[in-house]
Amino acid sequence: MQEQPITRTEFNELKEEVRQLREQQTEEIKITVDRPSKEVLKRLDQLEKDLDKRSELWLDTLQQNYDELKSTMATKDDLKAMEERMVDVIRKYSQPGKN
């Protein structure tokens, strides 16, 4: 059995199908993955450790400063006592003949 040559219509249909397939193709995407060297990773690890140490030291210092400041601040009771003392002094010196 011999194959029949394709007709012009079949050829044009095939040509159109090829054209559509070409349009569907996309450009290849090239991806480059650079992996850091062991030396770079060691350096980053060391920097992270240094940062952790500094952060810990900073937080400790901040806590110490806060504790010192808190111990020197007047409490509500201290302020109330000062207010009462001032009221007493004002009463005492505002009365005539008691100066």
N, C-alpha and C. Protein backbone atom coordinates (compact mmCIF):
# COMPACT_ATOMS: atom_id res chain seq x y z
N MET A 1 0.82 -1.17 0.00
CA MET A 1 0.00 0.00 0.00
C MET A 1 0.88 1.24 0.00
N GLN A 2 0.67 2.07 -0.93
CA GLN A 2 1.45 3.29 -1.07
C GLN A 2 0.74 4.44 -0.37
N GLU A 3 1.56 5.30 0.23
CA GLU A 3 0.98 6.47 0.88
C GLU A 3 0.65 7.51 -0.16
N GLN A 4 -0.43 8.17 0.09
CA GLN A 4 -0.86 9.23 -0.81
C GLN A 4 -0.16 10.53 -0.42
N PRO A 5 0.24 11.30 -1.39
CA PRO A 5 0.81 12.60 -1.06
C PRO A 5 -0.26 13.46 -0.38
N ILE A 6 0.21 14.33 0.50
CA ILE A 6 -0.76 15.16 1.22
C ILE A 6 -1.28 16.26 0.31
N THR A 7 -2.44 16.69 0.62
CA THR A 7 -3.05 17.75 -0.19
C THR A 7 -2.55 19.09 0.32
N ARG A 8 -2.81 20.09 -0.46
CA ARG A 8 -2.42 21.45 -0.09
C ARG A 8 -3.11 21.87 1.20
N THR A 9 -4.33 21.49 1.37
CA THR A 9 -5.09 21.82 2.57
C THR A 9 -4.46 21.14 3.79
N GLU A 10 -4.10 19.88 3.67
CA GLU A 10 -3.46 19.16 4.76
C GLU A 10 -2.10 19.78 5.10
N PHE A 11 -1.38 20.17 4.05
CA PHE A 11 -0.09 20.82 4.26
C PHE A 11 -0.26 22.14 5.02
N ASN A 12 -1.22 22.93 4.62
CA ASN A 12 -1.46 24.21 5.29
C ASN A 12 -1.91 24.01 6.74
N GLU A 13 -2.70 22.96 6.98
CA GLU A 13 -3.12 22.65 8.35
C GLU A 13 -1.92 22.25 9.19
N LEU A 14 -1.07 21.44 8.63
CA LEU A 14 0.14 21.00 9.33
C LEU A 14 1.07 22.20 9.59
N LYS A 15 1.20 23.05 8.61
CA LYS A 15 2.02 24.25 8.73
C LYS A 15 1.48 25.14 9.86
N GLU A 16 0.17 25.31 9.94
CA GLU A 16 -0.45 26.12 10.98
C GLU A 16 -0.24 25.49 12.35
N GLU A 17 -0.34 24.19 12.43
CA GLU A 17 -0.13 23.49 13.69
C GLU A 17 1.30 23.67 14.19
N VAL A 18 2.25 23.59 13.28
CA VAL A 18 3.66 23.80 13.64
C VAL A 18 3.86 25.24 14.12
N ARG A 19 3.25 26.18 13.42
CA ARG A 19 3.36 27.59 13.82
C ARG A 19 2.82 27.79 15.24
N GLN A 20 1.68 27.20 15.54
CA GLN A 20 1.09 27.32 16.87
C GLN A 20 1.96 26.67 17.94
N LEU A 21 2.56 25.54 17.61
CA LEU A 21 3.45 24.88 18.56
C LEU A 21 4.68 25.73 18.86
N ARG A 22 5.19 26.38 17.85
CA ARG A 22 6.36 27.25 18.04
C ARG A 22 6.01 28.44 18.94
N GLU A 23 4.81 28.96 18.76
CA GLU A 23 4.37 30.08 19.59
C GLU A 23 4.22 29.66 21.05
N GLN A 24 3.88 28.41 21.27
CA GLN A 24 3.69 27.92 22.63
C GLN A 24 5.00 27.71 23.37
N GLN A 25 6.07 27.52 22.65
CA GLN A 25 7.36 27.30 23.29
C GLN A 25 7.80 28.57 23.99
N THR A 26 8.39 28.40 25.11
CA THR A 26 8.92 29.55 25.84
C THR A 26 10.44 29.49 25.83
N GLU A 27 11.01 30.62 26.15
CA GLU A 27 12.47 30.65 26.22
C GLU A 27 12.94 29.84 27.41
N GLU A 28 14.09 29.27 27.28
CA GLU A 28 14.66 28.53 28.39
C GLU A 28 15.08 29.51 29.48
N ILE A 29 14.91 29.10 30.70
CA ILE A 29 15.33 29.91 31.83
C ILE A 29 16.62 29.30 32.36
N LYS A 30 17.64 30.11 32.39
CA LYS A 30 18.92 29.64 32.90
C LYS A 30 19.03 30.05 34.36
N ILE A 31 19.32 29.09 35.20
CA ILE A 31 19.44 29.33 36.63
C ILE A 31 20.86 29.01 37.04
N THR A 32 21.46 29.94 37.72
CA THR A 32 22.81 29.73 38.23
C THR A 32 22.74 29.73 39.74
N VAL A 33 23.24 28.70 40.34
CA VAL A 33 23.23 28.59 41.79
C VAL A 33 24.68 28.68 42.26
N ASP A 34 24.95 29.72 43.01
CA ASP A 34 26.29 29.89 43.58
C ASP A 34 26.23 29.45 45.03
N ARG A 35 27.06 28.52 45.38
CA ARG A 35 27.11 28.09 46.76
C ARG A 35 28.32 28.73 47.42
N PRO A 36 28.12 29.27 48.60
CA PRO A 36 29.26 29.93 49.26
C PRO A 36 30.32 28.91 49.66
N SER A 37 31.52 29.39 49.71
CA SER A 37 32.62 28.50 50.09
C SER A 37 32.56 28.21 51.59
N LYS A 38 33.29 27.21 52.00
CA LYS A 38 33.32 26.85 53.42
C LYS A 38 33.88 27.99 54.25
N GLU A 39 34.83 28.71 53.68
CA GLU A 39 35.44 29.83 54.40
C GLU A 39 34.40 30.94 54.67
N VAL A 40 33.58 31.20 53.68
CA VAL A 40 32.53 32.22 53.84
C VAL A 40 31.53 31.77 54.91
N LEU A 41 31.17 30.51 54.90
CA LEU A 41 30.23 29.99 55.90
C LEU A 41 30.83 30.06 57.31
N LYS A 42 32.12 29.74 57.43
CA LYS A 42 32.78 29.85 58.74
C LYS A 42 32.78 31.29 59.23
N ARG A 43 33.04 32.20 58.32
CA ARG A 43 33.07 33.63 58.68
C ARG A 43 31.69 34.09 59.13
N LEU A 44 30.67 33.66 58.42
CA LEU A 44 29.31 34.03 58.81
C LEU A 44 28.94 33.45 60.17
N ASP A 45 29.33 32.23 60.41
CA ASP A 45 29.07 31.60 61.71
C ASP A 45 29.76 32.38 62.83
N GLN A 46 31.00 32.79 62.59
CA GLN A 46 31.75 33.54 63.60
C GLN A 46 31.09 34.90 63.84
N LEU A 47 30.67 35.55 62.79
CA LEU A 47 29.99 36.84 62.95
C LEU A 47 28.70 36.68 63.75
N GLU A 48 27.99 35.61 63.50
CA GLU A 48 26.75 35.35 64.24
C GLU A 48 27.05 35.15 65.73
N LYS A 49 28.10 34.39 66.03
CA LYS A 49 28.49 34.17 67.43
C LYS A 49 28.88 35.49 68.09
N ASP A 50 29.66 36.31 67.38
CA ASP A 50 30.06 37.60 67.91
C ASP A 50 28.85 38.49 68.19
N LEU A 51 27.91 38.47 67.27
CA LEU A 51 26.69 39.26 67.45
C LEU A 51 25.90 38.78 68.66
N ASP A 52 25.81 37.48 68.83
CA ASP A 52 25.11 36.93 69.99
C ASP A 52 25.78 37.37 71.29
N LYS A 53 27.11 37.33 71.34
CA LYS A 53 27.84 37.75 72.54
C LYS A 53 27.59 39.23 72.84
N ARG A 54 27.67 40.05 71.80
CA ARG A 54 27.46 41.49 72.00
C ARG A 54 26.03 41.78 72.44
N SER A 55 25.08 41.08 71.86
CA SER A 55 23.68 41.28 72.22
C SER A 55 23.45 40.90 73.68
N GLU A 56 24.05 39.79 74.09
CA GLU A 56 23.91 39.34 75.48
C GLU A 56 24.53 40.35 76.43
N LEU A 57 25.72 40.84 76.09
CA LEU A 57 26.38 41.84 76.92
C LEU A 57 25.55 43.12 77.00
N TRP A 58 25.01 43.55 75.88
CA TRP A 58 24.19 44.76 75.83
C TRP A 58 22.95 44.59 76.71
N LEU A 59 22.30 43.44 76.62
CA LEU A 59 21.10 43.20 77.43
C LEU A 59 21.43 43.16 78.92
N ASP A 60 22.56 42.54 79.27
CA ASP A 60 22.98 42.50 80.67
C ASP A 60 23.24 43.91 81.20
N THR A 61 23.94 44.72 80.41
CA THR A 61 24.23 46.09 80.80
C THR A 61 22.94 46.90 80.94
N LEU A 62 22.04 46.73 80.01
CA LEU A 62 20.76 47.42 80.07
C LEU A 62 19.99 47.03 81.33
N GLN A 63 19.99 45.76 81.68
CA GLN A 63 19.29 45.30 82.89
C GLN A 63 19.93 45.90 84.13
N GLN A 64 21.27 45.94 84.18
CA GLN A 64 21.96 46.52 85.33
C GLN A 64 21.60 48.01 85.48
N ASN A 65 21.63 48.73 84.37
CA ASN A 65 21.29 50.15 84.41
C ASN A 65 19.86 50.36 84.87
N TYR A 66 18.95 49.51 84.40
CA TYR A 66 17.56 49.61 84.79
C TYR A 66 17.41 49.36 86.29
N ASP A 67 18.08 48.32 86.78
CA ASP A 67 18.00 47.99 88.21
C ASP A 67 18.54 49.14 89.06
N GLU A 68 19.66 49.75 88.65
CA GLU A 68 20.23 50.88 89.39
C GLU A 68 19.28 52.07 89.38
N LEU A 69 18.74 52.37 88.24
CA LEU A 69 17.82 53.50 88.12
C LEU A 69 16.57 53.27 88.95
N LYS A 70 16.06 52.06 88.90
CA LYS A 70 14.85 51.73 89.65
C LYS A 70 15.07 51.90 91.15
N SER A 71 16.27 51.52 91.62
CA SER A 71 16.55 51.61 93.06
C SER A 71 16.70 53.05 93.53
N THR A 72 17.00 53.98 92.64
CA THR A 72 17.17 55.38 93.04
C THR A 72 15.93 56.22 92.83
N MET A 73 14.92 55.68 92.17
CA MET A 73 13.71 56.45 91.90
C MET A 73 12.80 56.43 93.12
N ALA A 74 12.09 57.55 93.28
CA ALA A 74 11.13 57.65 94.38
C ALA A 74 9.90 56.81 94.05
N THR A 75 9.37 56.19 95.10
CA THR A 75 8.16 55.39 94.92
C THR A 75 6.94 56.29 95.14
N LYS A 76 5.78 55.75 94.89
CA LYS A 76 4.54 56.49 95.14
C LYS A 76 4.43 56.85 96.62
N ASP A 77 4.83 55.93 97.46
CA ASP A 77 4.80 56.20 98.91
C ASP A 77 5.75 57.33 99.28
N ASP A 78 6.96 57.33 98.65
CA ASP A 78 7.92 58.41 98.90
C ASP A 78 7.33 59.76 98.49
N LEU A 79 6.70 59.80 97.33
CA LEU A 79 6.12 61.05 96.83
C LEU A 79 4.95 61.49 97.72
N LYS A 80 4.16 60.56 98.18
CA LYS A 80 3.03 60.89 99.06
C LYS A 80 3.55 61.49 100.36
N ALA A 81 4.61 60.90 100.92
CA ALA A 81 5.20 61.40 102.17
C ALA A 81 5.76 62.81 101.98
N MET A 82 6.41 63.05 100.82
CA MET A 82 6.94 64.38 100.53
C MET A 82 5.81 65.40 100.42
N GLU A 83 4.73 65.00 99.79
CA GLU A 83 3.59 65.89 99.62
C GLU A 83 3.00 66.26 101.00
N GLU A 84 2.86 65.25 101.85
CA GLU A 84 2.31 65.50 103.19
C GLU A 84 3.22 66.42 103.98
N ARG A 85 4.52 66.22 103.87
CA ARG A 85 5.50 67.07 104.58
C ARG A 85 5.42 68.51 104.08
N MET A 86 5.27 68.68 102.76
CA MET A 86 5.17 70.03 102.19
C MET A 86 3.89 70.71 102.66
N VAL A 87 2.80 69.98 102.72
CA VAL A 87 1.53 70.54 103.20
C VAL A 87 1.68 70.98 104.65
N ASP A 88 2.35 70.13 105.45
CA ASP A 88 2.57 70.49 106.86
C ASP A 88 3.40 71.77 106.98
N VAL A 89 4.46 71.87 106.19
CA VAL A 89 5.34 73.05 106.23
C VAL A 89 4.57 74.30 105.79
N ILE A 90 3.77 74.17 104.74
CA ILE A 90 2.99 75.32 104.25
C ILE A 90 1.98 75.76 105.31
N ARG A 91 1.34 74.83 105.96
CA ARG A 91 0.37 75.17 107.02
C ARG A 91 1.08 75.89 108.17
N LYS A 92 2.24 75.34 108.52
CA LYS A 92 2.97 75.89 109.66
C LYS A 92 3.38 77.34 109.38
N TYR A 93 3.92 77.60 108.19
CA TYR A 93 4.42 78.95 107.90
C TYR A 93 3.36 79.89 107.37
N SER A 94 2.19 79.38 107.07
CA SER A 94 1.14 80.27 106.59
C SER A 94 0.30 80.81 107.75
N GLN A 95 0.47 80.30 108.96
CA GLN A 95 -0.26 80.80 110.12
C GLN A 95 0.47 82.01 110.67
N PRO A 96 -0.26 83.09 110.91
CA PRO A 96 0.39 84.30 111.42
C PRO A 96 0.98 84.08 112.81
N GLY A 97 2.15 84.62 113.02
CA GLY A 97 2.81 84.59 114.31
C GLY A 97 3.52 83.28 114.60
N LYS A 98 3.55 82.33 113.71
CA LYS A 98 4.21 81.06 113.98
C LYS A 98 5.53 80.95 113.23
N ASN A 99 6.01 82.02 112.61
CA ASN A 99 7.22 81.98 111.80
C ASN A 99 8.44 82.05 112.65
